[in-house]
Amino acid sequence: MKLVDAMPKTAAGRALGNQLIRSGTSVGANYRAAGRGRSKAEFIAKIGTVVEEADEADELTAIFVASVKTAGQSKVSNQQFKIKNQKSEIKNA
């Protein structure tokens, strides 16, 4: 939040700041929703969403993948939750 507050008050600064706030808070919100799952299957599905959103936070991803394994979902493969760090390529037109 302090980083976003320190960003320039330009259109680009506001756009990036809004995205940082949304991405920084969505993992926690989705993890809380997973904890409120009505079944083991729903918990595992929601944790899967958390893993996808946290794929750049290696420590958090490891915690959430461990949660899936602890829940005993044998149908989930490790490949499904493998972290893939992909870099965007920006090309000049």
N, C-alpha and C. Protein backbone atom coordinates (compact mmCIF):
# COMPACT_ATOMS: atom_id res chain seq x y z
N MET A 1 0.82 -1.19 0.00
CA MET A 1 0.00 0.00 0.00
C MET A 1 0.87 1.26 0.00
N LYS A 2 1.98 1.20 0.74
CA LYS A 2 2.88 2.37 0.78
C LYS A 2 3.50 2.62 -0.60
N LEU A 3 3.80 1.53 -1.32
CA LEU A 3 4.36 1.67 -2.66
C LEU A 3 3.36 2.38 -3.56
N VAL A 4 2.12 1.96 -3.52
CA VAL A 4 1.09 2.57 -4.36
C VAL A 4 0.90 4.03 -3.98
N ASP A 5 0.92 4.34 -2.69
CA ASP A 5 0.78 5.74 -2.26
C ASP A 5 1.92 6.60 -2.76
N ALA A 6 3.10 6.01 -2.94
CA ALA A 6 4.27 6.76 -3.38
C ALA A 6 4.36 6.90 -4.90
N MET A 7 3.49 6.21 -5.63
CA MET A 7 3.55 6.27 -7.10
C MET A 7 3.07 7.63 -7.59
N PRO A 8 3.54 8.02 -8.78
CA PRO A 8 3.12 9.32 -9.32
C PRO A 8 1.61 9.37 -9.56
N LYS A 9 1.05 10.53 -9.42
CA LYS A 9 -0.40 10.72 -9.59
C LYS A 9 -0.72 10.99 -11.06
N THR A 10 -0.23 10.12 -11.91
CA THR A 10 -0.50 10.21 -13.35
C THR A 10 -1.45 9.08 -13.72
N ALA A 11 -1.93 9.10 -14.96
CA ALA A 11 -2.82 8.03 -15.41
C ALA A 11 -2.10 6.68 -15.32
N ALA A 12 -0.85 6.64 -15.74
CA ALA A 12 -0.10 5.38 -15.68
C ALA A 12 0.14 4.96 -14.24
N GLY A 13 0.48 5.90 -13.38
CA GLY A 13 0.72 5.58 -11.98
C GLY A 13 -0.53 5.04 -11.30
N ARG A 14 -1.68 5.66 -11.61
CA ARG A 14 -2.94 5.18 -11.03
C ARG A 14 -3.30 3.80 -11.58
N ALA A 15 -3.10 3.57 -12.86
CA ALA A 15 -3.43 2.27 -13.46
C ALA A 15 -2.57 1.17 -12.85
N LEU A 16 -1.27 1.42 -12.74
CA LEU A 16 -0.38 0.42 -12.14
C LEU A 16 -0.68 0.23 -10.66
N GLY A 17 -0.96 1.32 -9.97
CA GLY A 17 -1.29 1.24 -8.54
C GLY A 17 -2.54 0.43 -8.29
N ASN A 18 -3.56 0.66 -9.10
CA ASN A 18 -4.80 -0.11 -8.95
C ASN A 18 -4.56 -1.60 -9.18
N GLN A 19 -3.77 -1.92 -10.20
CA GLN A 19 -3.47 -3.32 -10.48
C GLN A 19 -2.67 -3.96 -9.34
N LEU A 20 -1.71 -3.22 -8.79
CA LEU A 20 -0.93 -3.74 -7.67
C LEU A 20 -1.82 -4.04 -6.46
N ILE A 21 -2.74 -3.15 -6.17
CA ILE A 21 -3.63 -3.36 -5.03
C ILE A 21 -4.53 -4.57 -5.27
N ARG A 22 -5.10 -4.67 -6.48
CA ARG A 22 -5.97 -5.81 -6.77
C ARG A 22 -5.22 -7.12 -6.69
N SER A 23 -4.03 -7.17 -7.29
CA SER A 23 -3.28 -8.43 -7.30
C SER A 23 -2.73 -8.75 -5.91
N GLY A 24 -2.40 -7.74 -5.15
CA GLY A 24 -1.84 -7.98 -3.82
C GLY A 24 -2.85 -8.44 -2.80
N THR A 25 -4.11 -8.14 -3.04
CA THR A 25 -5.14 -8.52 -2.08
C THR A 25 -5.97 -9.72 -2.52
N SER A 26 -5.94 -10.07 -3.80
CA SER A 26 -6.80 -11.14 -4.29
C SER A 26 -6.40 -12.52 -3.77
N VAL A 27 -5.11 -12.75 -3.58
CA VAL A 27 -4.67 -14.05 -3.09
C VAL A 27 -5.24 -14.31 -1.70
N GLY A 28 -5.13 -13.33 -0.82
CA GLY A 28 -5.66 -13.49 0.53
C GLY A 28 -7.17 -13.67 0.55
N ALA A 29 -7.87 -12.90 -0.28
CA ALA A 29 -9.33 -13.01 -0.33
C ALA A 29 -9.76 -14.39 -0.84
N ASN A 30 -9.08 -14.87 -1.86
CA ASN A 30 -9.43 -16.19 -2.39
C ASN A 30 -9.06 -17.31 -1.43
N TYR A 31 -7.97 -17.14 -0.69
CA TYR A 31 -7.60 -18.15 0.31
C TYR A 31 -8.66 -18.21 1.41
N ARG A 32 -9.15 -17.05 1.81
CA ARG A 32 -10.21 -17.02 2.82
C ARG A 32 -11.47 -17.70 2.29
N ALA A 33 -11.79 -17.46 1.03
CA ALA A 33 -12.95 -18.12 0.42
C ALA A 33 -12.76 -19.62 0.37
N ALA A 34 -11.54 -20.07 0.12
CA ALA A 34 -11.27 -21.52 0.10
C ALA A 34 -11.52 -22.13 1.47
N GLY A 35 -11.12 -21.43 2.50
CA GLY A 35 -11.33 -21.91 3.87
C GLY A 35 -12.80 -22.04 4.22
N ARG A 36 -13.63 -21.31 3.51
CA ARG A 36 -15.07 -21.38 3.74
C ARG A 36 -15.77 -22.33 2.78
N GLY A 37 -14.97 -23.10 2.04
CA GLY A 37 -15.55 -24.06 1.09
C GLY A 37 -16.50 -25.02 1.77
N ARG A 38 -17.56 -25.39 1.07
CA ARG A 38 -18.58 -26.26 1.66
C ARG A 38 -18.24 -27.73 1.55
N SER A 39 -17.22 -28.05 0.78
CA SER A 39 -16.80 -29.44 0.63
C SER A 39 -15.31 -29.48 0.34
N LYS A 40 -14.74 -30.67 0.44
CA LYS A 40 -13.32 -30.82 0.12
C LYS A 40 -13.06 -30.46 -1.34
N ALA A 41 -13.97 -30.86 -2.22
CA ALA A 41 -13.80 -30.56 -3.65
C ALA A 41 -13.83 -29.06 -3.90
N GLU A 42 -14.74 -28.35 -3.23
CA GLU A 42 -14.80 -26.90 -3.40
C GLU A 42 -13.55 -26.23 -2.84
N PHE A 43 -13.07 -26.71 -1.69
CA PHE A 43 -11.83 -26.19 -1.12
C PHE A 43 -10.68 -26.34 -2.11
N ILE A 44 -10.55 -27.53 -2.68
CA ILE A 44 -9.45 -27.79 -3.60
C ILE A 44 -9.57 -26.93 -4.85
N ALA A 45 -10.77 -26.77 -5.36
CA ALA A 45 -10.97 -25.92 -6.54
C ALA A 45 -10.58 -24.48 -6.24
N LYS A 46 -10.97 -23.97 -5.09
CA LYS A 46 -10.66 -22.58 -4.73
C LYS A 46 -9.17 -22.40 -4.45
N ILE A 47 -8.56 -23.40 -3.85
CA ILE A 47 -7.10 -23.32 -3.63
C ILE A 47 -6.38 -23.30 -4.98
N GLY A 48 -6.92 -24.02 -5.95
CA GLY A 48 -6.35 -24.00 -7.30
C GLY A 48 -6.33 -22.59 -7.86
N THR A 49 -7.39 -21.83 -7.62
CA THR A 49 -7.44 -20.43 -8.06
C THR A 49 -6.37 -19.62 -7.34
N VAL A 50 -6.20 -19.87 -6.05
CA VAL A 50 -5.18 -19.16 -5.27
C VAL A 50 -3.80 -19.45 -5.85
N VAL A 51 -3.54 -20.71 -6.17
CA VAL A 51 -2.23 -21.09 -6.74
C VAL A 51 -2.00 -20.35 -8.04
N GLU A 52 -3.00 -20.29 -8.89
CA GLU A 52 -2.85 -19.59 -10.17
C GLU A 52 -2.53 -18.12 -9.96
N GLU A 53 -3.20 -17.49 -9.02
CA GLU A 53 -2.98 -16.06 -8.78
C GLU A 53 -1.67 -15.77 -8.06
N ALA A 54 -1.16 -16.72 -7.35
CA ALA A 54 0.08 -16.51 -6.59
C ALA A 54 1.29 -17.10 -7.29
N ASP A 55 1.18 -17.39 -8.57
CA ASP A 55 2.25 -18.11 -9.24
C ASP A 55 3.58 -17.37 -9.28
N GLU A 56 3.57 -16.09 -8.98
CA GLU A 56 4.84 -15.36 -8.92
C GLU A 56 5.38 -15.27 -7.50
N ALA A 57 4.65 -15.73 -6.54
CA ALA A 57 5.09 -15.71 -5.14
C ALA A 57 5.41 -17.13 -4.74
N ASP A 58 6.64 -17.54 -4.93
CA ASP A 58 7.03 -18.94 -4.75
C ASP A 58 6.69 -19.50 -3.37
N GLU A 59 6.92 -18.74 -2.33
CA GLU A 59 6.63 -19.24 -0.99
C GLU A 59 5.14 -19.46 -0.78
N LEU A 60 4.34 -18.50 -1.22
CA LEU A 60 2.89 -18.66 -1.08
C LEU A 60 2.39 -19.83 -1.91
N THR A 61 2.91 -19.96 -3.11
CA THR A 61 2.50 -21.07 -3.97
C THR A 61 2.81 -22.40 -3.31
N ALA A 62 3.97 -22.53 -2.71
CA ALA A 62 4.34 -23.77 -2.04
C ALA A 62 3.38 -24.08 -0.89
N ILE A 63 2.98 -23.07 -0.16
CA ILE A 63 2.04 -23.26 0.95
C ILE A 63 0.70 -23.75 0.42
N PHE A 64 0.20 -23.14 -0.64
CA PHE A 64 -1.12 -23.50 -1.15
C PHE A 64 -1.10 -24.87 -1.83
N VAL A 65 -0.02 -25.20 -2.52
CA VAL A 65 0.09 -26.53 -3.11
C VAL A 65 0.11 -27.58 -2.00
N ALA A 66 0.81 -27.27 -0.91
CA ALA A 66 0.83 -28.19 0.24
C ALA A 66 -0.58 -28.37 0.81
N SER A 67 -1.38 -27.30 0.79
CA SER A 67 -2.76 -27.39 1.27
C SER A 67 -3.57 -28.37 0.42
N VAL A 68 -3.37 -28.32 -0.88
CA VAL A 68 -4.07 -29.25 -1.77
C VAL A 68 -3.65 -30.68 -1.45
N LYS A 69 -2.35 -30.90 -1.29
CA LYS A 69 -1.86 -32.24 -0.99
C LYS A 69 -2.37 -32.72 0.37
N THR A 70 -2.40 -31.83 1.35
CA THR A 70 -2.88 -32.18 2.68
C THR A 70 -4.36 -32.56 2.63
N ALA A 71 -5.11 -31.89 1.77
CA ALA A 71 -6.54 -32.18 1.65
C ALA A 71 -6.77 -33.56 1.05
N GLY A 72 -5.73 -34.18 0.52
CA GLY A 72 -5.82 -35.55 0.06
C GLY A 72 -6.42 -35.72 -1.32
N GLN A 73 -6.27 -34.72 -2.15
CA GLN A 73 -6.81 -34.82 -3.51
C GLN A 73 -5.85 -35.60 -4.37
N SER A 74 -6.10 -36.89 -4.53
CA SER A 74 -5.19 -37.74 -5.29
C SER A 74 -5.34 -37.53 -6.79
N LYS A 75 -6.44 -36.93 -7.23
CA LYS A 75 -6.65 -36.72 -8.66
C LYS A 75 -5.88 -35.52 -9.19
N VAL A 76 -5.36 -34.68 -8.29
CA VAL A 76 -4.62 -33.50 -8.71
C VAL A 76 -3.17 -33.88 -8.96
N SER A 77 -2.69 -33.58 -10.14
CA SER A 77 -1.30 -33.90 -10.44
C SER A 77 -0.41 -32.72 -10.07
N ASN A 78 0.83 -33.03 -9.77
CA ASN A 78 1.79 -31.96 -9.46
C ASN A 78 1.99 -31.07 -10.67
N GLN A 79 1.85 -31.63 -11.87
CA GLN A 79 2.03 -30.85 -13.09
C GLN A 79 0.99 -29.74 -13.18
N GLN A 80 -0.22 -30.00 -12.67
CA GLN A 80 -1.29 -29.01 -12.73
C GLN A 80 -0.91 -27.74 -11.99
N PHE A 81 -0.13 -27.87 -10.92
CA PHE A 81 0.22 -26.72 -10.10
C PHE A 81 1.68 -26.29 -10.27
N LYS A 82 2.32 -26.76 -11.31
CA LYS A 82 3.71 -26.39 -11.54
C LYS A 82 3.80 -24.90 -11.84
N ILE A 83 4.74 -24.27 -11.22
CA ILE A 83 4.91 -22.83 -11.39
C ILE A 83 5.59 -22.57 -12.72
N LYS A 84 5.00 -21.68 -13.48
CA LYS A 84 5.59 -21.30 -14.76
C LYS A 84 5.76 -19.79 -14.75
N ASN A 85 6.98 -19.35 -14.75
CA ASN A 85 7.26 -17.93 -14.82
C ASN A 85 7.45 -17.58 -16.29
N GLN A 86 6.48 -16.90 -16.83
CA GLN A 86 6.54 -16.52 -18.23
C GLN A 86 6.78 -15.03 -18.32
N LYS A 87 7.68 -14.65 -19.20
CA LYS A 87 7.97 -13.23 -19.39
C LYS A 87 7.26 -12.76 -20.65
N SER A 88 6.66 -11.59 -20.56
CA SER A 88 6.01 -11.01 -21.73
C SER A 88 7.07 -10.42 -22.64
N GLU A 89 6.81 -10.51 -23.92
CA GLU A 89 7.71 -9.89 -24.87
C GLU A 89 7.00 -8.67 -25.45
N ILE A 90 7.66 -7.53 -25.33
CA ILE A 90 7.11 -6.30 -25.89
C ILE A 90 7.86 -6.01 -27.16
N LYS A 91 7.12 -5.93 -28.25
CA LYS A 91 7.74 -5.68 -29.54
C LYS A 91 7.31 -4.32 -30.05
N ASN A 92 8.27 -3.61 -30.61
CA ASN A 92 7.96 -2.31 -31.19
C ASN A 92 7.30 -2.53 -32.55
N ALA A 93 6.21 -1.86 -32.77
CA ALA A 93 5.50 -2.01 -34.05
C ALA A 93 6.00 -1.03 -35.06
